[in-house]
């Protein structure tokens, strides 16, 4: 009887100790660590911690991290999005290269570009893994440059120079490839046109 009672007491003590340990870990890792990491991140990277927002005339017009759909002829188009450019619904199409639907989507996108006998960069035909990738390769933008130049009555070489000045190098010089943020480029394009009108 005494051994049964002491065994029951021991189990109760172990359960209480486990519960206390779990509570302390939740407070430390779920509360304190999160608060410290958020504060330090905001201090070290204030712009990124606020969403890398892009302001124009004091108004938020987008984020440097999230693609936006640009349908007008006088703007450079963003990379196709499997998430319909919705940052709350991010994700790729998850279509395998062997899936006929992926080939159909790529063919439709190629036809919409209205280019013939030209190599089309893959980032104009396929959605990114996140579905909201804000960048395109310089080649993808140069392919669109004649359309934008014609719509804006701009010199093509001047437009290509604008693309080249907005190129971002691979991260740390080795990760990824050269790329251009489409929203920033389109804003620079608007600014260029406004300056030429003055």
Foldseek 3Di string as FASTA:
>chain_A
DVVVVVVVVVVVVVVVVVVVVVVVCCCVVVPVVVVVCLVVCCVVPVCVSVQQFDDDPRHTPGHLAFADADDDLQAQGFFAFPQNSDQVRWAFPPDDPPHVVLVVQLVVQVVVLVDPPDDADVRSRGADGGRTGQKDALVNRLSSQVSNCVVLVHDSVVLSVLSVVQWDQAVVNPHDGIIGRRVVSRVVVVVVSVVVVD
